[in-house]
Amino acid sequence: MSSKARTVNADDPARRVNANRSDLAVVCDSTSQRRPLQEHKGAYAAIDAEKTAIAQQFLDGLRRRDWSLLQSIMTDDVVWNLRGTSLISGEARGVDAVITRAQRIVSYGLTFTLKDILISQHDPSLSLHNPAQNGKQILDEHLATVCMLRNGRICAINTYLSDIEVVNAFFV
């Protein structure tokens, strides 16, 4: 496929977004109606704003240690996966376990520096820089936390780390 012609599948297999050029892009659905993509920007912006707000609330809950806020934006069966062998690693299953993990993470004095909130077709992601110092241990972690959504609430969290060995050594 050439770099100028890209087709991205939407939820409905009969629906395609042709992104050859943003000014010429159109949305085609199974009824073969063609509409300029600009007509859809308002709907996308509203959905993206909702996803951004949930990601921001997640970060705010961590920063302010607002466990009731975190609980309110997560499903009861939420799962948080975090790679490694440290005290914060593994799978936290259920809202209580996820909040316990969040409490443990913030107890180490991390600074949650937001680099960006990224939005996929379905879910938001936080790009963060988390520096901290614990005695002689220094953490200078860059990570991505993807918040998967179900019915407007976080149902899964997957954290991607830049330096797993440093995380393992820091959270002991």
N, C-alpha and C. Protein backbone atom coordinates (compact mmCIF):
# COMPACT_ATOMS: atom_id res chain seq x y z
N MET A 1 0.85 -1.16 0.00
CA MET A 1 0.00 0.00 0.00
C MET A 1 0.90 1.23 0.00
N SER A 2 0.62 2.20 -0.83
CA SER A 2 1.45 3.39 -0.90
C SER A 2 1.26 4.25 0.34
N SER A 3 2.19 5.17 0.57
CA SER A 3 2.09 6.02 1.75
C SER A 3 0.97 7.04 1.62
N LYS A 4 0.49 7.28 0.40
CA LYS A 4 -0.60 8.24 0.22
C LYS A 4 -1.97 7.61 0.40
N ALA A 5 -2.11 6.33 0.17
CA ALA A 5 -3.42 5.69 0.27
C ALA A 5 -3.45 4.78 1.49
N ARG A 6 -4.25 5.16 2.48
CA ARG A 6 -4.39 4.35 3.68
C ARG A 6 -5.87 4.17 3.93
N THR A 7 -6.26 2.96 4.28
CA THR A 7 -7.65 2.70 4.64
C THR A 7 -7.65 2.12 6.03
N VAL A 8 -8.49 2.68 6.89
CA VAL A 8 -8.58 2.25 8.28
C VAL A 8 -9.97 1.68 8.50
N ASN A 9 -10.05 0.50 9.08
CA ASN A 9 -11.35 -0.11 9.35
C ASN A 9 -11.99 0.53 10.56
N ALA A 10 -13.28 0.81 10.48
CA ALA A 10 -14.04 1.29 11.62
C ALA A 10 -14.72 0.08 12.26
N ASP A 11 -15.60 0.29 13.25
CA ASP A 11 -16.27 -0.81 13.93
C ASP A 11 -17.03 -1.69 12.95
N ASP A 12 -17.79 -1.11 12.08
CA ASP A 12 -18.59 -1.83 11.10
C ASP A 12 -17.70 -2.17 9.92
N PRO A 13 -17.56 -3.46 9.56
CA PRO A 13 -16.69 -3.82 8.44
C PRO A 13 -17.10 -3.16 7.14
N ALA A 14 -18.37 -2.75 7.04
CA ALA A 14 -18.83 -2.10 5.81
C ALA A 14 -18.47 -0.62 5.78
N ARG A 15 -17.87 -0.12 6.84
CA ARG A 15 -17.56 1.31 6.94
C ARG A 15 -16.05 1.49 6.83
N ARG A 16 -15.61 2.42 6.04
CA ARG A 16 -14.19 2.66 5.81
C ARG A 16 -13.92 4.17 5.87
N VAL A 17 -12.75 4.52 6.38
CA VAL A 17 -12.31 5.91 6.32
C VAL A 17 -11.13 5.96 5.37
N ASN A 18 -11.28 6.69 4.30
CA ASN A 18 -10.23 6.82 3.31
C ASN A 18 -9.47 8.09 3.64
N ALA A 19 -8.19 7.94 4.01
CA ALA A 19 -7.42 9.09 4.45
C ALA A 19 -6.29 9.40 3.47
N ASN A 20 -6.57 9.43 2.17
CA ASN A 20 -5.55 9.80 1.19
C ASN A 20 -5.05 11.21 1.47
N ARG A 21 -5.96 12.13 1.67
CA ARG A 21 -5.65 13.50 2.04
C ARG A 21 -6.74 13.95 2.98
N SER A 22 -6.37 14.61 4.05
CA SER A 22 -7.37 14.98 5.05
C SER A 22 -8.44 15.89 4.48
N ASP A 23 -8.09 16.73 3.49
CA ASP A 23 -9.10 17.63 2.95
C ASP A 23 -10.04 16.92 1.97
N LEU A 24 -9.70 15.73 1.54
CA LEU A 24 -10.54 14.98 0.61
C LEU A 24 -11.15 13.73 1.24
N ALA A 25 -10.81 13.50 2.50
CA ALA A 25 -11.26 12.27 3.15
C ALA A 25 -12.78 12.23 3.25
N VAL A 26 -13.32 11.06 3.05
CA VAL A 26 -14.76 10.87 3.17
C VAL A 26 -15.02 9.62 3.99
N VAL A 27 -16.20 9.56 4.58
CA VAL A 27 -16.63 8.38 5.30
C VAL A 27 -17.65 7.69 4.43
N CYS A 28 -17.45 6.39 4.20
CA CYS A 28 -18.38 5.62 3.39
C CYS A 28 -18.99 4.55 4.28
N ASP A 29 -20.30 4.47 4.31
CA ASP A 29 -20.93 3.41 5.08
C ASP A 29 -21.61 2.44 4.13
N SER A 30 -22.26 1.43 4.69
CA SER A 30 -22.83 0.37 3.88
C SER A 30 -23.95 0.85 2.95
N THR A 31 -24.46 2.05 3.18
CA THR A 31 -25.51 2.57 2.29
C THR A 31 -24.91 3.34 1.13
N SER A 32 -23.59 3.36 1.04
CA SER A 32 -22.84 4.02 -0.03
C SER A 32 -23.04 5.53 -0.06
N GLN A 33 -23.48 6.09 1.04
CA GLN A 33 -23.56 7.54 1.12
C GLN A 33 -22.17 8.08 1.40
N ARG A 34 -21.81 9.11 0.68
CA ARG A 34 -20.50 9.72 0.87
C ARG A 34 -20.70 11.12 1.44
N ARG A 35 -20.03 11.37 2.58
CA ARG A 35 -20.15 12.66 3.23
C ARG A 35 -18.74 13.17 3.53
N PRO A 36 -18.52 14.46 3.42
CA PRO A 36 -17.19 14.98 3.78
C PRO A 36 -16.88 14.66 5.24
N LEU A 37 -15.63 14.33 5.50
CA LEU A 37 -15.21 13.99 6.85
C LEU A 37 -15.44 15.14 7.82
N GLN A 38 -15.38 16.37 7.34
CA GLN A 38 -15.57 17.52 8.21
C GLN A 38 -16.93 17.46 8.91
N GLU A 39 -17.96 16.87 8.31
CA GLU A 39 -19.26 16.75 8.94
C GLU A 39 -19.19 15.89 10.20
N HIS A 40 -18.20 15.02 10.28
CA HIS A 40 -18.09 14.10 11.41
C HIS A 40 -17.18 14.62 12.51
N LYS A 41 -16.46 15.71 12.25
CA LYS A 41 -15.50 16.21 13.23
C LYS A 41 -16.17 16.56 14.55
N GLY A 42 -17.37 17.13 14.52
CA GLY A 42 -18.05 17.48 15.76
C GLY A 42 -18.33 16.26 16.61
N ALA A 43 -18.80 15.19 15.99
CA ALA A 43 -19.08 13.95 16.73
C ALA A 43 -17.79 13.35 17.27
N TYR A 44 -16.74 13.34 16.45
CA TYR A 44 -15.46 12.80 16.91
C TYR A 44 -14.92 13.64 18.05
N ALA A 45 -15.03 14.95 17.95
CA ALA A 45 -14.51 15.84 18.99
C ALA A 45 -15.22 15.58 20.32
N ALA A 46 -16.53 15.36 20.27
CA ALA A 46 -17.28 15.11 21.51
C ALA A 46 -16.85 13.78 22.13
N ILE A 47 -16.70 12.76 21.32
CA ILE A 47 -16.27 11.45 21.83
C ILE A 47 -14.85 11.54 22.36
N ASP A 48 -13.96 12.22 21.63
CA ASP A 48 -12.58 12.38 22.07
C ASP A 48 -12.51 13.17 23.37
N ALA A 49 -13.38 14.17 23.52
CA ALA A 49 -13.40 14.95 24.76
C ALA A 49 -13.80 14.08 25.95
N GLU A 50 -14.74 13.16 25.75
CA GLU A 50 -15.14 12.24 26.82
C GLU A 50 -13.98 11.32 27.21
N LYS A 51 -13.27 10.80 26.21
CA LYS A 51 -12.13 9.92 26.48
C LYS A 51 -11.02 10.69 27.18
N THR A 52 -10.75 11.91 26.72
CA THR A 52 -9.73 12.74 27.34
C THR A 52 -10.09 13.04 28.79
N ALA A 53 -11.36 13.33 29.05
CA ALA A 53 -11.81 13.65 30.41
C ALA A 53 -11.61 12.46 31.35
N ILE A 54 -11.90 11.25 30.88
CA ILE A 54 -11.71 10.07 31.72
C ILE A 54 -10.23 9.86 32.02
N ALA A 55 -9.38 10.02 31.01
CA ALA A 55 -7.93 9.88 31.23
C ALA A 55 -7.44 10.94 32.21
N GLN A 56 -7.92 12.16 32.06
CA GLN A 56 -7.51 13.24 32.96
C GLN A 56 -8.00 12.97 34.38
N GLN A 57 -9.22 12.44 34.51
CA GLN A 57 -9.74 12.10 35.84
C GLN A 57 -8.90 11.01 36.50
N PHE A 58 -8.47 10.04 35.72
CA PHE A 58 -7.60 8.98 36.25
C PHE A 58 -6.31 9.60 36.81
N LEU A 59 -5.69 10.47 36.03
CA LEU A 59 -4.46 11.12 36.47
C LEU A 59 -4.72 12.01 37.68
N ASP A 60 -5.80 12.78 37.65
CA ASP A 60 -6.14 13.64 38.79
C ASP A 60 -6.37 12.82 40.06
N GLY A 61 -7.03 11.67 39.92
CA GLY A 61 -7.27 10.80 41.07
C GLY A 61 -5.96 10.33 41.69
N LEU A 62 -4.99 9.97 40.85
CA LEU A 62 -3.68 9.56 41.35
C LEU A 62 -2.97 10.73 42.03
N ARG A 63 -2.94 11.87 41.36
CA ARG A 63 -2.22 13.03 41.90
C ARG A 63 -2.80 13.50 43.22
N ARG A 64 -4.14 13.54 43.32
CA ARG A 64 -4.80 14.05 44.53
C ARG A 64 -5.10 12.96 45.56
N ARG A 65 -4.77 11.72 45.18
CA ARG A 65 -5.09 10.57 46.06
C ARG A 65 -6.59 10.53 46.35
N ASP A 66 -7.34 10.75 45.30
CA ASP A 66 -8.80 10.79 45.40
C ASP A 66 -9.33 9.42 44.98
N TRP A 67 -9.38 8.52 45.96
CA TRP A 67 -9.76 7.13 45.68
C TRP A 67 -11.22 7.02 45.28
N SER A 68 -12.08 7.88 45.79
CA SER A 68 -13.49 7.83 45.39
C SER A 68 -13.65 8.27 43.94
N LEU A 69 -12.84 9.22 43.49
CA LEU A 69 -12.88 9.60 42.07
C LEU A 69 -12.46 8.41 41.21
N LEU A 70 -11.36 7.77 41.57
CA LEU A 70 -10.92 6.60 40.80
C LEU A 70 -11.99 5.53 40.76
N GLN A 71 -12.60 5.26 41.90
CA GLN A 71 -13.64 4.23 41.96
C GLN A 71 -14.81 4.60 41.04
N SER A 72 -15.14 5.88 40.97
CA SER A 72 -16.30 6.31 40.19
C SER A 72 -16.10 6.20 38.68
N ILE A 73 -14.84 6.16 38.23
CA ILE A 73 -14.60 6.09 36.78
C ILE A 73 -14.20 4.70 36.31
N MET A 74 -14.22 3.72 37.24
CA MET A 74 -13.84 2.34 36.90
C MET A 74 -15.01 1.39 37.09
N THR A 75 -14.99 0.33 36.30
CA THR A 75 -15.96 -0.74 36.51
C THR A 75 -15.53 -1.56 37.71
N ASP A 76 -16.46 -2.28 38.31
CA ASP A 76 -16.13 -3.12 39.47
C ASP A 76 -15.12 -4.21 39.13
N ASP A 77 -15.14 -4.67 37.87
CA ASP A 77 -14.26 -5.76 37.45
C ASP A 77 -13.01 -5.29 36.71
N VAL A 78 -12.63 -4.04 36.91
CA VAL A 78 -11.45 -3.47 36.25
C VAL A 78 -10.22 -4.33 36.52
N VAL A 79 -9.31 -4.39 35.56
CA VAL A 79 -8.05 -5.13 35.68
C VAL A 79 -6.92 -4.20 35.27
N TRP A 80 -5.85 -4.14 36.11
CA TRP A 80 -4.68 -3.31 35.79
C TRP A 80 -3.49 -4.24 35.64
N ASN A 81 -2.92 -4.28 34.44
CA ASN A 81 -1.74 -5.09 34.15
C ASN A 81 -0.51 -4.21 34.12
N LEU A 82 0.51 -4.62 34.86
CA LEU A 82 1.76 -3.88 34.92
C LEU A 82 2.90 -4.89 34.98
N ARG A 83 3.73 -4.87 33.98
CA ARG A 83 4.79 -5.84 33.81
C ARG A 83 5.85 -5.71 34.89
N GLY A 84 6.51 -6.80 35.21
CA GLY A 84 7.65 -6.78 36.11
C GLY A 84 7.50 -7.71 37.29
N THR A 85 8.44 -7.54 38.24
CA THR A 85 8.48 -8.39 39.43
C THR A 85 8.45 -7.57 40.71
N SER A 86 8.16 -6.28 40.61
CA SER A 86 8.18 -5.40 41.77
C SER A 86 6.89 -5.53 42.58
N LEU A 87 6.81 -4.76 43.66
CA LEU A 87 5.60 -4.76 44.51
C LEU A 87 4.37 -4.23 43.79
N ILE A 88 4.55 -3.48 42.71
CA ILE A 88 3.40 -2.94 41.98
C ILE A 88 3.10 -3.72 40.70
N SER A 89 3.87 -4.75 40.44
CA SER A 89 3.74 -5.50 39.18
C SER A 89 2.67 -6.56 39.24
N GLY A 90 2.30 -7.05 38.07
CA GLY A 90 1.34 -8.13 37.94
C GLY A 90 -0.03 -7.64 37.56
N GLU A 91 -1.01 -8.44 37.89
CA GLU A 91 -2.40 -8.13 37.55
C GLU A 91 -3.17 -7.77 38.82
N ALA A 92 -3.72 -6.58 38.84
CA ALA A 92 -4.62 -6.17 39.93
C ALA A 92 -6.03 -6.33 39.39
N ARG A 93 -6.81 -7.19 40.01
CA ARG A 93 -8.14 -7.53 39.49
C ARG A 93 -9.21 -7.03 40.46
N GLY A 94 -10.11 -6.18 39.94
CA GLY A 94 -11.18 -5.61 40.75
C GLY A 94 -10.83 -4.20 41.20
N VAL A 95 -11.86 -3.39 41.40
CA VAL A 95 -11.64 -1.97 41.71
C VAL A 95 -10.86 -1.80 43.02
N ASP A 96 -11.11 -2.63 44.02
CA ASP A 96 -10.38 -2.50 45.29
C ASP A 96 -8.90 -2.80 45.10
N ALA A 97 -8.57 -3.82 44.34
CA ALA A 97 -7.17 -4.16 44.08
C ALA A 97 -6.47 -3.08 43.25
N VAL A 98 -7.18 -2.49 42.31
CA VAL A 98 -6.61 -1.42 41.50
C VAL A 98 -6.34 -0.19 42.36
N ILE A 99 -7.25 0.14 43.24
CA ILE A 99 -7.04 1.29 44.11
C ILE A 99 -5.91 1.02 45.10
N THR A 100 -5.79 -0.21 45.59
CA THR A 100 -4.67 -0.57 46.46
C THR A 100 -3.35 -0.40 45.72
N ARG A 101 -3.31 -0.80 44.45
CA ARG A 101 -2.09 -0.60 43.65
C ARG A 101 -1.80 0.89 43.51
N ALA A 102 -2.81 1.68 43.20
CA ALA A 102 -2.62 3.13 43.05
C ALA A 102 -2.08 3.73 44.34
N GLN A 103 -2.62 3.30 45.48
CA GLN A 103 -2.15 3.79 46.78
C GLN A 103 -0.69 3.43 47.01
N ARG A 104 -0.32 2.22 46.63
CA ARG A 104 1.07 1.80 46.79
C ARG A 104 1.99 2.62 45.89
N ILE A 105 1.58 2.86 44.67
CA ILE A 105 2.41 3.64 43.73
C ILE A 105 2.63 5.05 44.27
N VAL A 106 1.57 5.73 44.68
CA VAL A 106 1.73 7.11 45.14
C VAL A 106 2.49 7.19 46.46
N SER A 107 2.50 6.12 47.24
CA SER A 107 3.23 6.12 48.52
C SER A 107 4.74 6.27 48.30
N TYR A 108 5.21 6.02 47.09
CA TYR A 108 6.63 6.14 46.78
C TYR A 108 7.02 7.56 46.34
N GLY A 109 6.06 8.49 46.36
CA GLY A 109 6.36 9.90 46.09
C GLY A 109 6.59 10.25 44.63
N LEU A 110 5.98 9.53 43.73
CA LEU A 110 6.14 9.83 42.31
C LEU A 110 5.54 11.18 41.96
N THR A 111 6.16 11.82 40.99
CA THR A 111 5.59 13.00 40.35
C THR A 111 5.00 12.52 39.03
N PHE A 112 3.71 12.74 38.84
CA PHE A 112 3.04 12.29 37.62
C PHE A 112 3.02 13.45 36.63
N THR A 113 4.01 13.49 35.76
CA THR A 113 4.12 14.56 34.78
C THR A 113 3.47 14.11 33.48
N LEU A 114 2.40 14.78 33.11
CA LEU A 114 1.69 14.43 31.88
C LEU A 114 2.44 14.97 30.68
N LYS A 115 2.78 14.06 29.78
CA LYS A 115 3.39 14.46 28.51
C LYS A 115 2.30 14.68 27.46
N ASP A 116 1.32 13.77 27.44
CA ASP A 116 0.24 13.89 26.46
C ASP A 116 -0.86 12.89 26.78
N ILE A 117 -2.06 13.20 26.35
CA ILE A 117 -3.16 12.25 26.35
C ILE A 117 -3.40 11.90 24.89
N LEU A 118 -3.29 10.62 24.59
CA LEU A 118 -3.46 10.12 23.24
C LEU A 118 -4.78 9.38 23.15
N ILE A 119 -5.46 9.52 22.03
CA ILE A 119 -6.77 8.92 21.85
C ILE A 119 -6.73 7.95 20.67
N SER A 120 -7.15 6.71 20.92
CA SER A 120 -7.30 5.74 19.83
C SER A 120 -8.76 5.74 19.40
N GLN A 121 -9.10 4.84 18.53
CA GLN A 121 -10.48 4.75 18.07
C GLN A 121 -11.42 4.48 19.25
N HIS A 122 -10.96 3.71 20.24
CA HIS A 122 -11.84 3.31 21.33
C HIS A 122 -11.42 3.82 22.71
N ASP A 123 -10.13 4.06 22.93
CA ASP A 123 -9.64 4.26 24.29
C ASP A 123 -8.63 5.40 24.40
N PRO A 124 -8.52 5.99 25.59
CA PRO A 124 -7.49 7.00 25.83
C PRO A 124 -6.22 6.38 26.42
N SER A 125 -5.12 7.08 26.25
CA SER A 125 -3.85 6.65 26.80
C SER A 125 -3.13 7.87 27.38
N LEU A 126 -2.49 7.67 28.50
CA LEU A 126 -1.69 8.72 29.13
C LEU A 126 -0.22 8.45 28.85
N SER A 127 0.48 9.44 28.31
CA SER A 127 1.92 9.38 28.18
C SER A 127 2.48 10.19 29.34
N LEU A 128 3.22 9.51 30.23
CA LEU A 128 3.66 10.11 31.48
C LEU A 128 5.16 10.01 31.67
N HIS A 129 5.68 10.94 32.45
CA HIS A 129 7.05 10.87 32.95
C HIS A 129 6.91 10.87 34.46
N ASN A 130 7.40 9.83 35.10
CA ASN A 130 7.24 9.66 36.55
C ASN A 130 8.59 9.62 37.25
N PRO A 131 9.16 10.78 37.57
CA PRO A 131 10.40 10.77 38.35
C PRO A 131 10.11 10.66 39.84
N ALA A 132 11.04 10.06 40.57
CA ALA A 132 10.93 9.96 42.03
C ALA A 132 12.28 9.52 42.58
N GLN A 133 12.45 9.74 43.89
CA GLN A 133 13.64 9.26 44.57
C GLN A 133 13.21 8.61 45.88
N ASN A 134 13.75 7.43 46.15
CA ASN A 134 13.46 6.68 47.37
C ASN A 134 14.81 6.28 47.96
N GLY A 135 15.29 7.10 48.89
CA GLY A 135 16.64 6.85 49.41
C GLY A 135 17.65 7.05 48.31
N LYS A 136 18.44 6.02 48.03
CA LYS A 136 19.43 6.11 46.96
C LYS A 136 18.87 5.67 45.61
N GLN A 137 17.67 5.09 45.64
CA GLN A 137 17.05 4.64 44.40
C GLN A 137 16.42 5.83 43.67
N ILE A 138 16.70 5.94 42.39
CA ILE A 138 16.13 7.01 41.57
C ILE A 138 15.29 6.37 40.47
N LEU A 139 14.09 6.89 40.32
CA LEU A 139 13.19 6.46 39.25
C LEU A 139 13.06 7.61 38.26
N ASP A 140 13.26 7.31 37.00
CA ASP A 140 13.10 8.30 35.93
C ASP A 140 12.37 7.59 34.79
N GLU A 141 11.12 7.24 35.06
CA GLU A 141 10.36 6.35 34.18
C GLU A 141 9.47 7.12 33.21
N HIS A 142 9.53 6.73 31.95
CA HIS A 142 8.61 7.21 30.92
C HIS A 142 7.70 6.04 30.61
N LEU A 143 6.40 6.28 30.60
CA LEU A 143 5.47 5.18 30.41
C LEU A 143 4.22 5.61 29.67
N ALA A 144 3.50 4.63 29.22
CA ALA A 144 2.18 4.85 28.63
C ALA A 144 1.20 3.99 29.41
N THR A 145 0.09 4.59 29.79
CA THR A 145 -0.98 3.87 30.47
C THR A 145 -2.22 3.96 29.59
N VAL A 146 -2.64 2.82 29.09
CA VAL A 146 -3.81 2.75 28.22
C VAL A 146 -5.01 2.37 29.09
N CYS A 147 -6.04 3.19 29.04
CA CYS A 147 -7.27 2.96 29.80
C CYS A 147 -8.34 2.47 28.83
N MET A 148 -8.65 1.20 28.90
CA MET A 148 -9.67 0.63 28.03
C MET A 148 -11.04 0.91 28.65
N LEU A 149 -11.98 1.32 27.82
CA LEU A 149 -13.28 1.77 28.30
C LEU A 149 -14.40 0.80 27.94
N ARG A 150 -15.38 0.73 28.85
CA ARG A 150 -16.62 0.01 28.60
C ARG A 150 -17.73 0.88 29.19
N ASN A 151 -18.66 1.26 28.35
CA ASN A 151 -19.79 2.10 28.78
C ASN A 151 -19.31 3.36 29.51
N GLY A 152 -18.24 3.98 29.00
CA GLY A 152 -17.77 5.24 29.55
C GLY A 152 -16.96 5.13 30.83
N ARG A 153 -16.60 3.91 31.23
CA ARG A 153 -15.80 3.70 32.45
C ARG A 153 -14.60 2.84 32.13
N ILE A 154 -13.56 2.98 32.92
CA ILE A 154 -12.34 2.20 32.71
C ILE A 154 -12.57 0.77 33.16
N CYS A 155 -12.37 -0.18 32.24
CA CYS A 155 -12.54 -1.60 32.56
C CYS A 155 -11.21 -2.35 32.56
N ALA A 156 -10.18 -1.75 31.97
CA ALA A 156 -8.85 -2.36 31.96
C ALA A 156 -7.81 -1.26 31.81
N ILE A 157 -6.69 -1.48 32.46
CA ILE A 157 -5.56 -0.54 32.40
C ILE A 157 -4.33 -1.37 32.05
N ASN A 158 -3.63 -0.96 31.02
CA ASN A 158 -2.39 -1.61 30.64
C ASN A 158 -1.30 -0.56 30.65
N THR A 159 -0.27 -0.79 31.46
CA THR A 159 0.83 0.15 31.59
C THR A 159 2.06 -0.41 30.88
N TYR A 160 2.64 0.41 30.01
CA TYR A 160 3.82 0.05 29.23
C TYR A 160 5.00 0.88 29.76
N LEU A 161 6.06 0.19 30.18
CA LEU A 161 7.19 0.82 30.85
C LEU A 161 8.38 0.96 29.93
N SER A 162 9.19 2.01 30.17
CA SER A 162 10.39 2.21 29.37
C SER A 162 11.59 1.46 29.94
N ASP A 163 11.64 1.23 31.25
CA ASP A 163 12.79 0.57 31.87
C ASP A 163 12.32 -0.32 33.00
N ILE A 164 11.96 -1.54 32.66
CA ILE A 164 11.38 -2.47 33.62
C ILE A 164 12.34 -2.77 34.78
N GLU A 165 13.63 -2.85 34.52
CA GLU A 165 14.59 -3.18 35.58
C GLU A 165 14.66 -2.08 36.63
N VAL A 166 14.59 -0.83 36.20
CA VAL A 166 14.60 0.28 37.16
C VAL A 166 13.33 0.26 38.00
N VAL A 167 12.20 -0.01 37.38
CA VAL A 167 10.93 -0.12 38.12
C VAL A 167 11.00 -1.25 39.13
N ASN A 168 11.52 -2.39 38.72
CA ASN A 168 11.66 -3.53 39.64
C ASN A 168 12.55 -3.19 40.83
N ALA A 169 13.63 -2.44 40.61
CA ALA A 169 14.56 -2.08 41.67
C ALA A 169 13.97 -0.99 42.58
N PHE A 170 13.14 -0.10 42.04
CA PHE A 170 12.62 1.02 42.80
C PHE A 170 11.49 0.62 43.74
N PHE A 171 10.56 -0.18 43.24
CA PHE A 171 9.37 -0.55 44.02
C PHE A 171 9.62 -1.85 44.77
N VAL A 172 10.41 -1.76 45.84
CA VAL A 172 10.74 -2.94 46.66
C VAL A 172 10.21 -2.76 48.07
